[in-house]
Amino acid sequence: MIPFFSGEQVRQAVSPARALEAVREAFVAYARGEWSMPPKVYVTNYPAGDFRAMPALGAGHASLKWVTSFPGNPARGLPTVTGLVLLSDAETGQLKAMLDAGAVTALRTGAAAVLAAETLGAPGARTAAVVGTGVNGRAAAAAFVAVGREPLLWDVDPARAQATAAAVGGRVAGSREEALAADLVVTVTPGQEILFPEGALRPGQHVSLMGADGPGKAEIAVAELARIRLFCDDWEQASHGGELAAALDAGRIRRGDVTTLPDVLAGRAEGRRSADEITAFDSTGLAIQDLALALAALERAGEIAGLQRVSL
């Protein structure tokens, strides 16, 4: 019998603190060559949205996430992100678990954003903020709380920011500008508006850019990317889809200008070089993160009440 984790059961099984730990371990294993994944495959139906297939292999298991991103869905009363994560035994090919992809995506997105901020932010960074408090932004806020920070929260919908503060902690910012001025900033917006024009980021600031996950999306100007220190989760993905792709196409950055966060965490590359350096992390979302979260959930399958089990 194969356990199926609903969204709520994924959240019960994997706390924000455990998600941070699992994503860190996955990044390090990937940097060391112990885990592997091909780039994600997009099946597009723009402007409505897209479908993504994301396989990975590691820790004696293989996973596949089939997930969608349809930004117009909330207006229809539907979630933006839906799909499934399938976890299999890598030795036998047998299916071990099925999980709600939306919950897995939110947890690992929030964890990656905050892991990057805590790793690349300036020593002594005091303030943190999350701009965009939808499902993934709420997960980022919860991850900040898990590391002992009280993030400022801002959203175009003030009620959503207030609901996030009430649910996971944090404080609603007085304005978007207040949130964007924090020492550590996580942006999780639809990517339809530039939040950081050229010259906007100040010395010592860090931003984790989580919203621009497809063609035509951006949260930061190309000219701003060209003047700061750049990091990403995976170069192959980031160079084809994400914030860095536009700057690369414009000839404003090169491969040598970008360091991967997994290499920093594994001690294979240098992170922040000075307190005044401005750093940015471009997240495209990796299949190894989904694998890590699925394994973390499976560890606690026996503790989750009401877990459905399916026979194929």
Protein backbone atom coordinates (compact mmCIF):
# COMPACT_ATOMS: atom_id res chain seq x y z
CA MET A 1 0.00 0.00 0.00
CA ILE A 2 1.41 3.34 -1.07
CA PRO A 3 0.94 6.33 1.25
CA PHE A 4 -0.53 9.51 -0.21
CA PHE A 5 0.27 12.77 1.60
CA SER A 6 -2.29 15.52 1.14
CA GLY A 7 -1.08 19.12 1.33
CA GLU A 8 -1.95 19.35 5.01
CA GLN A 9 -0.27 16.02 5.74
CA VAL A 10 2.92 17.17 3.97
CA ARG A 11 2.95 20.20 6.27
CA GLN A 12 2.34 17.99 9.31
CA ALA A 13 5.19 15.70 8.35
CA VAL A 14 7.77 18.36 7.43
CA SER A 15 8.20 21.44 9.60
CA PRO A 16 9.84 24.59 8.17
CA ALA A 17 12.93 23.80 10.24
CA ARG A 18 13.11 20.26 8.82
CA ALA A 19 12.58 21.63 5.30
CA LEU A 20 15.57 23.96 5.76
CA GLU A 21 17.70 21.04 6.89
CA ALA A 22 16.53 18.78 4.06
CA VAL A 23 17.13 21.40 1.35
CA ARG A 24 20.60 22.16 2.70
CA GLU A 25 21.49 18.45 2.66
CA ALA A 26 20.16 18.10 -0.89
CA PHE A 27 22.16 21.09 -2.17
CA VAL A 28 25.36 19.72 -0.63
CA ALA A 29 24.76 16.21 -2.02
CA TYR A 30 24.13 17.71 -5.46
CA ALA A 31 27.31 19.80 -5.34
CA ARG A 32 29.29 16.69 -4.42
CA GLY A 33 27.80 14.70 -7.29
CA GLU A 34 25.98 12.30 -4.97
CA TRP A 35 22.52 13.35 -6.21
CA SER A 36 21.62 14.04 -9.82
CA MET A 37 18.87 15.53 -11.95
CA PRO A 38 18.34 16.63 -15.54
CA PRO A 39 17.00 20.15 -16.15
CA LYS A 40 13.25 20.47 -15.71
CA VAL A 41 11.08 20.04 -18.80
CA TYR A 42 8.45 22.66 -19.59
CA VAL A 43 5.25 22.00 -21.53
CA THR A 44 3.94 25.50 -22.12
CA ASN A 45 0.51 26.90 -22.77
CA TYR A 46 1.29 30.59 -22.39
CA PRO A 47 -0.15 32.97 -21.43
CA ALA A 48 -2.39 30.64 -19.41
CA GLY A 49 0.45 28.73 -17.75
CA ASP A 50 2.75 25.75 -18.01
CA PHE A 51 3.36 22.16 -16.95
CA ARG A 52 6.70 20.99 -15.57
CA ALA A 53 8.27 17.54 -15.25
CA MET A 54 11.10 17.35 -12.69
CA PRO A 55 12.97 14.05 -12.06
CA ALA A 56 15.79 13.46 -9.57
CA LEU A 57 17.90 10.61 -8.17
CA GLY A 58 19.56 10.38 -4.77
CA ALA A 59 19.76 8.58 -1.42
CA GLY A 60 18.59 5.30 -2.95
CA HIS A 61 15.42 6.88 -4.34
CA ALA A 62 14.12 8.55 -7.48
CA SER A 63 11.39 11.16 -7.68
CA LEU A 64 9.29 12.84 -10.32
CA LYS A 65 7.26 15.98 -9.82
CA TRP A 66 4.55 16.76 -12.37
CA VAL A 67 3.46 20.25 -11.48
CA THR A 68 1.65 23.21 -13.01
CA SER A 69 1.93 26.98 -12.74
CA PHE A 70 -1.18 28.84 -13.85
CA PRO A 71 -1.03 32.41 -12.47
CA GLY A 72 -4.63 33.22 -13.41
CA ASN A 73 -6.09 30.38 -11.37
CA PRO A 74 -6.72 32.30 -8.11
CA ALA A 75 -9.23 34.46 -9.96
CA ARG A 76 -11.06 31.23 -10.78
CA GLY A 77 -10.90 30.05 -7.19
CA LEU A 78 -8.19 27.53 -8.09
CA PRO A 79 -4.61 27.18 -6.79
CA THR A 80 -1.77 28.44 -8.98
CA VAL A 81 0.31 25.31 -8.37
CA THR A 82 -1.09 21.76 -8.52
CA GLY A 83 0.34 18.33 -9.20
CA LEU A 84 1.95 15.26 -7.69
CA VAL A 85 5.36 14.17 -6.45
CA LEU A 86 6.05 10.47 -6.96
CA LEU A 87 8.79 8.82 -4.88
CA SER A 88 10.24 5.46 -5.94
CA ASP A 89 12.85 2.99 -4.72
CA ALA A 90 15.88 3.41 -6.99
CA GLU A 91 16.86 -0.27 -6.73
CA THR A 92 13.52 -1.86 -7.54
CA GLY A 93 11.59 0.94 -9.23
CA GLN A 94 8.69 0.39 -6.83
CA LEU A 95 6.58 3.39 -5.94
CA LYS A 96 7.06 4.32 -2.26
CA ALA A 97 4.91 7.45 -1.79
CA MET A 98 2.78 10.09 -3.50
CA LEU A 99 2.63 13.67 -2.26
CA ASP A 100 0.72 16.87 -3.03
CA ALA A 101 3.09 18.89 -5.22
CA GLY A 102 1.79 22.29 -4.15
CA ALA A 103 2.71 21.74 -0.51
CA VAL A 104 6.11 20.26 -1.37
CA THR A 105 6.84 23.18 -3.71
CA ALA A 106 5.91 25.78 -1.12
CA LEU A 107 7.99 24.20 1.64
CA ARG A 108 11.13 23.82 -0.47
CA THR A 109 10.72 27.28 -2.04
CA GLY A 110 10.51 28.94 1.36
CA ALA A 111 13.41 26.88 2.65
CA ALA A 112 15.67 27.68 -0.31
CA ALA A 113 14.88 31.39 -0.09
CA VAL A 114 15.75 31.64 3.60
CA LEU A 115 18.71 29.25 3.37
CA ALA A 116 20.19 31.54 0.70
CA ALA A 117 19.46 34.65 2.76
CA GLU A 118 21.05 33.24 5.91
CA THR A 119 24.06 31.92 3.97
CA LEU A 120 24.70 34.94 1.78
CA GLY A 121 23.41 37.80 3.92
CA ALA A 122 25.79 40.20 5.62
CA PRO A 123 27.10 39.30 9.08
CA GLY A 124 24.89 40.97 11.63
CA ALA A 125 21.92 41.36 9.27
CA ARG A 126 19.06 42.45 11.50
CA THR A 127 15.92 42.84 9.42
CA ALA A 128 14.22 40.36 7.08
CA ALA A 129 11.22 40.73 4.80
CA VAL A 130 8.99 38.72 2.49
CA VAL A 131 7.34 40.53 -0.41
CA GLY A 132 4.44 38.50 -1.73
CA THR A 133 2.65 36.37 0.86
CA GLY A 134 0.82 33.81 -1.23
CA VAL A 135 1.36 30.11 -0.61
CA ASN A 136 5.11 30.19 -1.30
CA GLY A 137 5.61 33.54 0.42
CA ARG A 138 3.89 32.23 3.53
CA ALA A 139 6.32 29.29 3.51
CA ALA A 140 9.25 31.74 3.29
CA ALA A 141 7.87 33.70 6.24
CA ALA A 142 7.55 30.47 8.24
CA ALA A 143 11.15 29.57 7.38
CA PHE A 144 12.38 32.95 8.63
CA VAL A 145 10.45 32.40 11.86
CA ALA A 146 12.05 28.94 12.14
CA VAL A 147 15.52 30.53 12.19
CA GLY A 148 14.49 33.05 14.85
CA ARG A 149 13.59 36.08 12.74
CA GLU A 150 10.41 38.14 12.71
CA PRO A 151 10.01 39.06 9.03
CA LEU A 152 8.30 42.12 7.68
CA LEU A 153 5.47 41.04 5.36
CA TRP A 154 4.02 42.88 2.39
CA ASP A 155 1.49 41.88 -0.24
CA VAL A 156 -0.67 43.71 -2.75
CA ASP A 157 -3.55 42.24 -0.75
CA PRO A 158 -3.13 43.58 2.81
CA ALA A 159 -5.51 40.95 4.18
CA ARG A 160 -3.26 38.20 2.85
CA ALA A 161 -0.22 39.69 4.57
CA GLN A 162 -2.19 40.00 7.81
CA ALA A 163 -3.37 36.38 7.53
CA THR A 164 0.22 35.21 7.02
CA ALA A 165 1.39 37.15 10.07
CA ALA A 166 -1.39 35.61 12.15
CA ALA A 167 -0.72 32.09 10.88
CA VAL A 168 3.07 31.83 10.97
CA GLY A 169 4.42 35.00 12.59
CA GLY A 170 6.02 38.18 11.36
CA ARG A 171 4.80 41.77 11.16
CA VAL A 172 2.94 43.50 8.35
CA ALA A 173 5.12 46.20 6.79
CA GLY A 174 3.84 49.75 6.57
CA SER A 175 4.69 49.86 2.87
CA ARG A 176 6.32 47.86 0.13
CA GLU A 177 9.29 50.22 0.31
CA GLU A 178 9.82 49.39 3.98
CA ALA A 179 9.89 45.68 3.19
CA LEU A 180 12.23 46.10 0.20
CA ALA A 181 14.69 48.03 2.39
CA ALA A 182 15.28 45.12 4.80
CA ASP A 183 18.74 43.60 5.17
CA LEU A 184 17.45 40.24 3.91
CA VAL A 185 14.64 40.31 1.35
CA VAL A 186 12.72 37.41 -0.18
CA THR A 187 10.51 38.28 -3.16
CA VAL A 188 7.78 35.84 -4.15
CA THR A 189 5.65 37.81 -6.60
CA PRO A 190 4.14 36.86 -10.01
CA GLY A 191 7.19 38.47 -11.61
CA GLN A 192 5.15 40.96 -13.62
CA GLU A 193 6.73 44.07 -12.07
CA ILE A 194 10.33 45.11 -11.48
CA LEU A 195 10.79 45.54 -7.73
CA PHE A 196 14.47 46.47 -7.90
CA PRO A 197 15.38 48.96 -10.66
CA GLU A 198 19.01 49.86 -11.31
CA GLY A 199 20.64 51.24 -8.16
CA ALA A 200 17.85 50.12 -5.82
CA LEU A 201 19.82 47.68 -3.67
CA ARG A 202 22.06 49.20 -1.02
CA PRO A 203 25.47 47.99 0.20
CA GLY A 204 25.22 44.88 2.36
CA GLN A 205 21.73 43.92 1.24
CA HIS A 206 20.74 40.44 0.10
CA VAL A 207 17.70 39.46 -1.99
CA SER A 208 16.39 35.97 -2.75
CA LEU A 209 14.48 36.26 -6.02
CA MET A 210 11.87 33.51 -6.09
CA GLY A 211 9.10 34.79 -8.36
CA ALA A 212 10.51 34.90 -11.90
CA ASP A 213 10.15 31.24 -12.83
CA GLY A 214 9.26 31.54 -16.50
CA PRO A 215 9.79 33.55 -19.71
CA GLY A 216 8.91 37.23 -19.51
CA LYS A 217 8.92 37.32 -15.70
CA ALA A 218 11.30 39.50 -13.67
CA GLU A 219 11.54 41.02 -10.19
CA ILE A 220 14.85 42.84 -10.77
CA ALA A 221 16.26 44.94 -13.61
CA VAL A 222 19.00 43.48 -15.79
CA ALA A 223 21.13 46.56 -15.08
CA GLU A 224 20.85 45.89 -11.35
CA LEU A 225 21.91 42.27 -11.79
CA ALA A 226 24.96 43.46 -13.72
CA ARG A 227 26.32 45.49 -10.78
CA ILE A 228 25.91 43.02 -7.88
CA ARG A 229 27.24 39.58 -6.78
CA LEU A 230 25.13 36.77 -8.23
CA PHE A 231 24.22 33.29 -7.01
CA CYS A 232 21.80 30.67 -8.28
CA ASP A 233 20.60 27.18 -7.39
CA ASP A 234 21.73 25.56 -10.65
CA TRP A 235 23.45 27.23 -13.60
CA GLU A 236 21.93 25.01 -16.30
CA GLN A 237 18.40 25.88 -15.22
CA ALA A 238 19.08 29.50 -14.27
CA SER A 239 20.75 30.29 -17.59
CA HIS A 240 17.64 29.19 -19.49
CA GLY A 241 14.79 30.34 -17.29
CA GLY A 242 14.83 32.78 -14.40
CA GLU A 243 16.21 36.21 -13.53
CA LEU A 244 19.70 35.51 -14.85
CA ALA A 245 18.59 34.35 -18.30
CA ALA A 246 17.64 37.85 -19.47
CA ALA A 247 20.93 39.34 -18.26
CA LEU A 248 22.85 36.53 -19.96
CA ASP A 249 20.97 37.03 -23.23
CA ALA A 250 21.68 40.77 -23.07
CA GLY A 251 25.39 40.12 -22.64
CA ARG A 252 25.46 41.82 -19.23
CA ILE A 253 26.67 38.75 -17.31
CA ARG A 254 28.71 35.62 -18.06
CA ARG A 255 28.94 32.16 -16.51
CA GLY A 256 31.92 33.24 -14.45
CA ASP A 257 29.85 35.97 -12.79
CA VAL A 258 27.53 33.47 -11.11
CA THR A 259 28.22 31.14 -8.17
CA THR A 260 25.89 28.29 -7.22
CA LEU A 261 24.53 28.13 -3.68
CA PRO A 262 25.09 24.34 -3.52
CA ASP A 263 28.81 24.92 -4.17
CA VAL A 264 28.94 27.53 -1.39
CA LEU A 265 27.21 25.21 1.08
CA ALA A 266 29.54 22.34 0.15
CA GLY A 267 32.61 24.53 0.69
CA ARG A 268 33.53 24.39 -2.98
CA ALA A 269 33.02 28.10 -3.68
CA GLU A 270 33.22 31.42 -1.87
CA GLY A 271 30.08 33.07 -0.59
CA ARG A 272 29.79 36.70 0.49
CA ARG A 273 33.19 38.42 0.36
CA SER A 274 32.53 41.55 2.41
CA ALA A 275 29.92 43.17 4.63
CA ASP A 276 29.17 45.79 1.95
CA GLU A 277 28.78 43.38 -0.94
CA ILE A 278 25.28 43.21 -2.47
CA THR A 279 24.15 39.64 -3.11
CA ALA A 280 21.25 38.14 -5.03
CA PHE A 281 20.07 34.53 -5.27
CA ASP A 282 18.14 33.47 -8.37
CA SER A 283 15.99 30.44 -7.62
CA THR A 284 14.62 28.27 -10.42
CA GLY A 285 13.56 25.41 -8.12
CA LEU A 286 15.34 22.06 -8.29
CA ALA A 287 14.01 18.53 -8.47
CA ILE A 288 16.53 17.48 -5.83
CA GLN A 289 14.70 19.75 -3.39
CA ASP A 290 11.45 17.91 -4.10
CA LEU A 291 13.21 14.59 -3.55
CA ALA A 292 14.58 15.82 -0.23
CA LEU A 293 11.15 16.94 0.98
CA ALA A 294 9.51 13.70 -0.15
CA LEU A 295 12.08 11.67 1.79
CA ALA A 296 11.59 13.86 4.86
CA ALA A 297 7.83 13.30 4.70
CA LEU A 298 8.21 9.55 4.22
CA GLU A 299 10.32 9.38 7.39
CA ARG A 300 7.23 10.34 9.39
CA ALA A 301 4.58 8.39 7.50
CA GLY A 302 3.87 6.26 10.54
CA GLU A 303 3.11 9.32 12.67
CA ILE A 304 0.58 11.07 10.39
CA ALA A 305 -3.04 10.43 11.33
CA GLY A 306 -5.49 9.65 8.54
CA LEU A 307 -2.82 9.06 5.90
CA GLN A 308 -4.45 7.46 2.88
CA ARG A 309 -2.83 4.37 1.39
CA VAL A 310 -3.42 3.43 -2.21
CA SER A 311 -3.04 0.07 -3.96
CA LEU A 312 -2.01 0.25 -7.62
